[in-house]
N, C-alpha and C. Protein backbone atom coordinates (compact mmCIF):
# COMPACT_ATOMS: atom_id res chain seq x y z
N MET A 1 13.70 -15.56 3.53
CA MET A 1 12.81 -15.60 4.68
C MET A 1 12.07 -14.27 4.86
N GLU A 2 12.75 -13.17 4.56
CA GLU A 2 12.11 -11.86 4.68
C GLU A 2 10.93 -11.75 3.71
N THR A 3 11.09 -12.31 2.52
CA THR A 3 10.00 -12.27 1.54
C THR A 3 8.77 -12.99 2.07
N PHE A 4 8.97 -14.12 2.71
CA PHE A 4 7.86 -14.87 3.28
C PHE A 4 7.10 -14.01 4.29
N PHE A 5 7.83 -13.37 5.20
CA PHE A 5 7.18 -12.54 6.21
C PHE A 5 6.54 -11.31 5.59
N CYS A 6 7.11 -10.78 4.51
CA CYS A 6 6.47 -9.66 3.80
C CYS A 6 5.11 -10.08 3.27
N ILE A 7 5.05 -11.25 2.68
CA ILE A 7 3.79 -11.75 2.12
C ILE A 7 2.78 -12.02 3.23
N VAL A 8 3.24 -12.62 4.33
CA VAL A 8 2.35 -12.90 5.46
C VAL A 8 1.78 -11.60 6.02
N LEU A 9 2.62 -10.59 6.23
CA LEU A 9 2.14 -9.32 6.76
C LEU A 9 1.17 -8.63 5.80
N CYS A 10 1.42 -8.74 4.53
CA CYS A 10 0.53 -8.15 3.54
C CYS A 10 -0.84 -8.83 3.57
N VAL A 11 -0.85 -10.16 3.61
CA VAL A 11 -2.10 -10.91 3.68
C VAL A 11 -2.84 -10.58 4.97
N MET A 12 -2.10 -10.44 6.06
CA MET A 12 -2.72 -10.08 7.33
C MET A 12 -3.36 -8.69 7.25
N GLY A 13 -2.71 -7.76 6.59
CA GLY A 13 -3.28 -6.42 6.41
C GLY A 13 -4.56 -6.47 5.58
N LEU A 14 -4.55 -7.27 4.52
CA LEU A 14 -5.73 -7.44 3.68
C LEU A 14 -6.87 -8.07 4.48
N ALA A 15 -6.56 -9.11 5.23
CA ALA A 15 -7.58 -9.78 6.05
C ALA A 15 -8.12 -8.83 7.12
N LEU A 16 -7.25 -8.04 7.73
CA LEU A 16 -7.68 -7.09 8.75
C LEU A 16 -8.69 -6.10 8.19
N PHE A 17 -8.46 -5.64 6.98
CA PHE A 17 -9.40 -4.70 6.37
C PHE A 17 -10.79 -5.33 6.26
N PHE A 18 -10.86 -6.55 5.72
CA PHE A 18 -12.16 -7.18 5.53
C PHE A 18 -12.80 -7.60 6.85
N LEU A 19 -12.00 -7.94 7.86
CA LEU A 19 -12.56 -8.24 9.18
C LEU A 19 -13.16 -6.98 9.81
N ARG A 20 -12.46 -5.85 9.66
CA ARG A 20 -13.01 -4.59 10.18
C ARG A 20 -14.29 -4.21 9.42
N LYS A 21 -14.32 -4.47 8.14
CA LYS A 21 -15.52 -4.21 7.35
C LYS A 21 -16.67 -5.10 7.83
N TYR A 22 -16.37 -6.35 8.12
CA TYR A 22 -17.39 -7.28 8.61
C TYR A 22 -17.87 -6.85 9.99
N ALA A 23 -16.97 -6.42 10.85
CA ALA A 23 -17.35 -5.99 12.20
C ALA A 23 -18.23 -4.74 12.16
N GLY A 24 -18.10 -3.93 11.13
CA GLY A 24 -18.88 -2.70 11.01
C GLY A 24 -20.17 -2.87 10.23
N ARG A 25 -20.58 -4.10 9.96
CA ARG A 25 -21.79 -4.33 9.17
C ARG A 25 -23.01 -3.78 9.91
N THR A 26 -24.08 -3.51 9.17
CA THR A 26 -25.27 -2.91 9.77
C THR A 26 -26.15 -3.94 10.47
N ASP A 27 -26.28 -5.14 9.91
CA ASP A 27 -27.13 -6.17 10.51
C ASP A 27 -26.25 -7.17 11.26
N LYS A 28 -26.04 -6.91 12.55
CA LYS A 28 -25.17 -7.77 13.34
C LYS A 28 -25.90 -8.95 13.96
N THR A 29 -27.22 -9.04 13.73
CA THR A 29 -27.98 -10.15 14.29
C THR A 29 -27.95 -11.38 13.38
N ALA A 30 -27.70 -11.19 12.12
CA ALA A 30 -27.71 -12.30 11.17
C ALA A 30 -26.49 -13.20 11.37
N GLU A 31 -26.69 -14.48 11.16
CA GLU A 31 -25.59 -15.44 11.24
C GLU A 31 -24.62 -15.19 10.08
N PRO A 32 -23.32 -15.39 10.31
CA PRO A 32 -22.36 -15.24 9.21
C PRO A 32 -22.67 -16.23 8.09
N ASN A 33 -22.72 -15.72 6.89
CA ASN A 33 -23.01 -16.53 5.71
C ASN A 33 -21.92 -16.27 4.68
N TRP A 34 -21.01 -17.23 4.51
CA TRP A 34 -19.86 -17.04 3.61
C TRP A 34 -20.29 -16.90 2.16
N LYS A 35 -21.36 -17.58 1.77
CA LYS A 35 -21.82 -17.46 0.38
C LYS A 35 -22.31 -16.04 0.11
N PHE A 36 -23.10 -15.49 1.03
CA PHE A 36 -23.56 -14.12 0.88
C PHE A 36 -22.37 -13.15 0.89
N TRP A 37 -21.42 -13.38 1.82
CA TRP A 37 -20.25 -12.50 1.92
C TRP A 37 -19.47 -12.53 0.61
N TRP A 38 -19.27 -13.72 0.06
CA TRP A 38 -18.51 -13.84 -1.19
C TRP A 38 -19.23 -13.10 -2.31
N ASN A 39 -20.53 -13.29 -2.45
CA ASN A 39 -21.29 -12.61 -3.50
C ASN A 39 -21.27 -11.10 -3.33
N ASP A 40 -21.27 -10.64 -2.10
CA ASP A 40 -21.29 -9.21 -1.82
C ASP A 40 -19.92 -8.55 -1.98
N ASN A 41 -18.84 -9.31 -1.77
CA ASN A 41 -17.50 -8.72 -1.71
C ASN A 41 -16.50 -9.25 -2.73
N LYS A 42 -16.93 -10.14 -3.63
CA LYS A 42 -15.94 -10.77 -4.51
C LYS A 42 -15.21 -9.78 -5.42
N VAL A 43 -15.90 -8.80 -5.96
CA VAL A 43 -15.24 -7.83 -6.84
C VAL A 43 -14.22 -7.01 -6.04
N ASP A 44 -14.62 -6.58 -4.84
CA ASP A 44 -13.71 -5.81 -3.98
C ASP A 44 -12.50 -6.63 -3.58
N LEU A 45 -12.73 -7.87 -3.18
CA LEU A 45 -11.65 -8.74 -2.74
C LEU A 45 -10.68 -9.04 -3.88
N ILE A 46 -11.20 -9.40 -5.04
CA ILE A 46 -10.34 -9.74 -6.18
C ILE A 46 -9.54 -8.52 -6.63
N SER A 47 -10.19 -7.36 -6.71
CA SER A 47 -9.47 -6.15 -7.14
C SER A 47 -8.41 -5.76 -6.11
N ALA A 48 -8.74 -5.88 -4.83
CA ALA A 48 -7.76 -5.56 -3.79
C ALA A 48 -6.57 -6.52 -3.83
N VAL A 49 -6.84 -7.79 -4.01
CA VAL A 49 -5.75 -8.78 -4.09
C VAL A 49 -4.86 -8.48 -5.30
N LEU A 50 -5.44 -8.13 -6.42
CA LEU A 50 -4.64 -7.82 -7.61
C LEU A 50 -3.77 -6.58 -7.41
N VAL A 51 -4.34 -5.51 -6.86
CA VAL A 51 -3.57 -4.30 -6.64
C VAL A 51 -2.47 -4.53 -5.61
N VAL A 52 -2.80 -5.21 -4.53
CA VAL A 52 -1.81 -5.50 -3.50
C VAL A 52 -0.71 -6.39 -4.06
N THR A 53 -1.07 -7.34 -4.90
CA THR A 53 -0.07 -8.21 -5.53
C THR A 53 0.87 -7.40 -6.42
N ILE A 54 0.32 -6.47 -7.17
CA ILE A 54 1.15 -5.62 -8.03
C ILE A 54 2.12 -4.79 -7.18
N LEU A 55 1.60 -4.15 -6.14
CA LEU A 55 2.46 -3.32 -5.28
C LEU A 55 3.53 -4.15 -4.57
N MET A 56 3.14 -5.32 -4.09
CA MET A 56 4.12 -6.18 -3.41
C MET A 56 5.17 -6.68 -4.39
N THR A 57 4.78 -7.02 -5.60
CA THR A 57 5.75 -7.47 -6.61
C THR A 57 6.73 -6.36 -6.93
N LEU A 58 6.22 -5.16 -7.12
CA LEU A 58 7.11 -4.03 -7.39
C LEU A 58 8.08 -3.80 -6.24
N MET A 59 7.58 -3.91 -5.02
CA MET A 59 8.45 -3.69 -3.88
C MET A 59 9.48 -4.81 -3.73
N LEU A 60 9.04 -6.06 -3.83
CA LEU A 60 9.94 -7.18 -3.60
C LEU A 60 10.95 -7.36 -4.73
N MET A 61 10.62 -6.90 -5.92
CA MET A 61 11.55 -7.03 -7.04
C MET A 61 12.50 -5.83 -7.12
N GLY A 62 12.37 -4.90 -6.20
CA GLY A 62 13.31 -3.79 -6.14
C GLY A 62 12.91 -2.57 -6.94
N SER A 63 11.71 -2.56 -7.50
CA SER A 63 11.27 -1.41 -8.28
C SER A 63 10.84 -0.25 -7.38
N ILE A 64 10.50 -0.54 -6.15
CA ILE A 64 10.15 0.49 -5.18
C ILE A 64 11.18 0.40 -4.07
N SER A 65 11.84 1.51 -3.80
CA SER A 65 12.80 1.50 -2.69
C SER A 65 12.36 2.51 -1.65
N LEU A 66 12.66 2.21 -0.42
CA LEU A 66 12.27 3.06 0.68
C LEU A 66 13.51 3.51 1.45
N ASP A 67 13.54 4.78 1.77
CA ASP A 67 14.64 5.31 2.56
C ASP A 67 14.05 5.86 3.85
N LEU A 68 14.04 5.03 4.88
CA LEU A 68 13.48 5.47 6.15
C LEU A 68 14.42 6.39 6.91
N ASP A 69 15.69 6.46 6.50
CA ASP A 69 16.64 7.36 7.17
C ASP A 69 16.18 8.80 7.06
N THR A 70 15.64 9.18 5.91
CA THR A 70 15.14 10.54 5.72
C THR A 70 13.98 10.81 6.68
N LEU A 71 13.07 9.85 6.80
CA LEU A 71 11.93 10.00 7.70
C LEU A 71 12.41 10.17 9.14
N VAL A 72 13.38 9.35 9.52
CA VAL A 72 13.89 9.40 10.89
C VAL A 72 14.55 10.74 11.17
N LYS A 73 15.33 11.25 10.22
CA LYS A 73 16.02 12.53 10.41
C LYS A 73 15.04 13.69 10.40
N ASP A 74 14.09 13.68 9.46
CA ASP A 74 13.15 14.81 9.33
C ASP A 74 12.15 14.90 10.47
N TYR A 75 11.69 13.75 10.95
CA TYR A 75 10.63 13.76 11.96
C TYR A 75 11.10 13.28 13.33
N SER A 76 12.38 13.03 13.48
CA SER A 76 12.96 12.60 14.76
C SER A 76 12.23 11.40 15.35
N ILE A 77 12.13 10.34 14.57
CA ILE A 77 11.49 9.10 15.01
C ILE A 77 12.58 8.04 15.15
N PRO A 78 13.21 7.94 16.31
CA PRO A 78 14.34 7.03 16.45
C PRO A 78 13.98 5.55 16.45
N TYR A 79 12.78 5.20 16.92
CA TYR A 79 12.44 3.78 17.05
C TYR A 79 12.11 3.12 15.71
N ILE A 80 11.87 3.88 14.67
CA ILE A 80 11.52 3.29 13.38
C ILE A 80 12.72 2.61 12.73
N VAL A 81 13.91 2.92 13.19
CA VAL A 81 15.12 2.31 12.63
C VAL A 81 15.12 0.80 12.83
N ILE A 82 14.47 0.31 13.89
CA ILE A 82 14.49 -1.12 14.13
C ILE A 82 13.52 -1.88 13.23
N LEU A 83 12.63 -1.16 12.55
CA LEU A 83 11.70 -1.82 11.62
C LEU A 83 12.39 -2.14 10.31
N SER A 84 12.06 -3.29 9.76
CA SER A 84 12.50 -3.59 8.41
C SER A 84 11.59 -2.84 7.45
N PRO A 85 12.15 -2.02 6.57
CA PRO A 85 11.28 -1.26 5.66
C PRO A 85 10.36 -2.16 4.84
N LYS A 86 10.86 -3.28 4.36
CA LYS A 86 10.01 -4.16 3.55
C LYS A 86 8.89 -4.76 4.37
N LEU A 87 9.16 -5.14 5.61
CA LEU A 87 8.11 -5.71 6.45
C LEU A 87 7.07 -4.66 6.81
N ALA A 88 7.52 -3.48 7.15
CA ALA A 88 6.58 -2.41 7.51
C ALA A 88 5.70 -2.04 6.32
N ILE A 89 6.30 -1.86 5.17
CA ILE A 89 5.52 -1.45 4.00
C ILE A 89 4.60 -2.58 3.53
N SER A 90 4.96 -3.83 3.78
CA SER A 90 4.09 -4.95 3.41
C SER A 90 2.77 -4.89 4.15
N ALA A 91 2.83 -4.66 5.44
CA ALA A 91 1.60 -4.53 6.23
C ALA A 91 0.80 -3.31 5.79
N ILE A 92 1.49 -2.22 5.50
CA ILE A 92 0.82 -1.00 5.06
C ILE A 92 0.14 -1.21 3.70
N ILE A 93 0.85 -1.86 2.78
CA ILE A 93 0.26 -2.16 1.47
C ILE A 93 -0.96 -3.04 1.63
N GLY A 94 -0.86 -4.06 2.48
CA GLY A 94 -1.99 -4.98 2.67
C GLY A 94 -3.24 -4.28 3.17
N TYR A 95 -3.09 -3.45 4.18
CA TYR A 95 -4.26 -2.80 4.76
C TYR A 95 -4.72 -1.58 3.96
N PHE A 96 -3.82 -0.64 3.75
CA PHE A 96 -4.22 0.61 3.09
C PHE A 96 -4.44 0.44 1.59
N GLY A 97 -3.72 -0.50 0.97
CA GLY A 97 -3.98 -0.79 -0.44
C GLY A 97 -5.38 -1.34 -0.64
N THR A 98 -5.79 -2.21 0.27
CA THR A 98 -7.14 -2.77 0.22
C THR A 98 -8.17 -1.68 0.51
N ASN A 99 -7.89 -0.86 1.49
CA ASN A 99 -8.79 0.23 1.84
C ASN A 99 -8.98 1.16 0.65
N TRP A 100 -7.91 1.50 -0.02
CA TRP A 100 -7.97 2.38 -1.18
C TRP A 100 -8.77 1.74 -2.31
N MET A 101 -8.50 0.46 -2.61
CA MET A 101 -9.21 -0.21 -3.69
C MET A 101 -10.69 -0.37 -3.37
N TYR A 102 -11.01 -0.67 -2.13
CA TYR A 102 -12.41 -0.81 -1.75
C TYR A 102 -13.14 0.52 -1.96
N GLY A 103 -12.49 1.60 -1.58
CA GLY A 103 -13.09 2.92 -1.79
C GLY A 103 -13.33 3.22 -3.25
N LYS A 104 -12.40 2.82 -4.12
CA LYS A 104 -12.54 3.06 -5.55
C LYS A 104 -13.71 2.27 -6.13
N PHE A 105 -13.86 1.02 -5.73
CA PHE A 105 -14.91 0.19 -6.31
C PHE A 105 -16.26 0.41 -5.67
N SER A 106 -16.30 0.75 -4.39
CA SER A 106 -17.61 0.92 -3.75
C SER A 106 -18.27 2.23 -4.14
N LYS A 107 -17.47 3.21 -4.54
CA LYS A 107 -18.05 4.49 -4.98
C LYS A 107 -18.37 4.46 -6.47
N GLY A 108 -17.90 3.41 -7.14
CA GLY A 108 -18.23 3.11 -8.50
C GLY A 108 -17.88 4.04 -9.54
């Protein structure tokens, strides 16, 4: 069940990135056009999905481990203990992984 929620949070992070990108568009008077959006963003979306899938696979298969105890001790963040490391990192991978990949491809 945790894996399911990890995937959902990751997809939500990915979707949030593209929604924020859409909200920041320059021409806000034009009607939303999915065909134009797809043509304009397909390379970014596909590359982001592939990178996020790789990172999520590495994390879910145990190749990436997280020790939040060190973070809590070093930075005195007591409330982070209640977070599931896999769930938290899933959302982070979804949003920031997409942000990173978009930056790589848009700067060409």
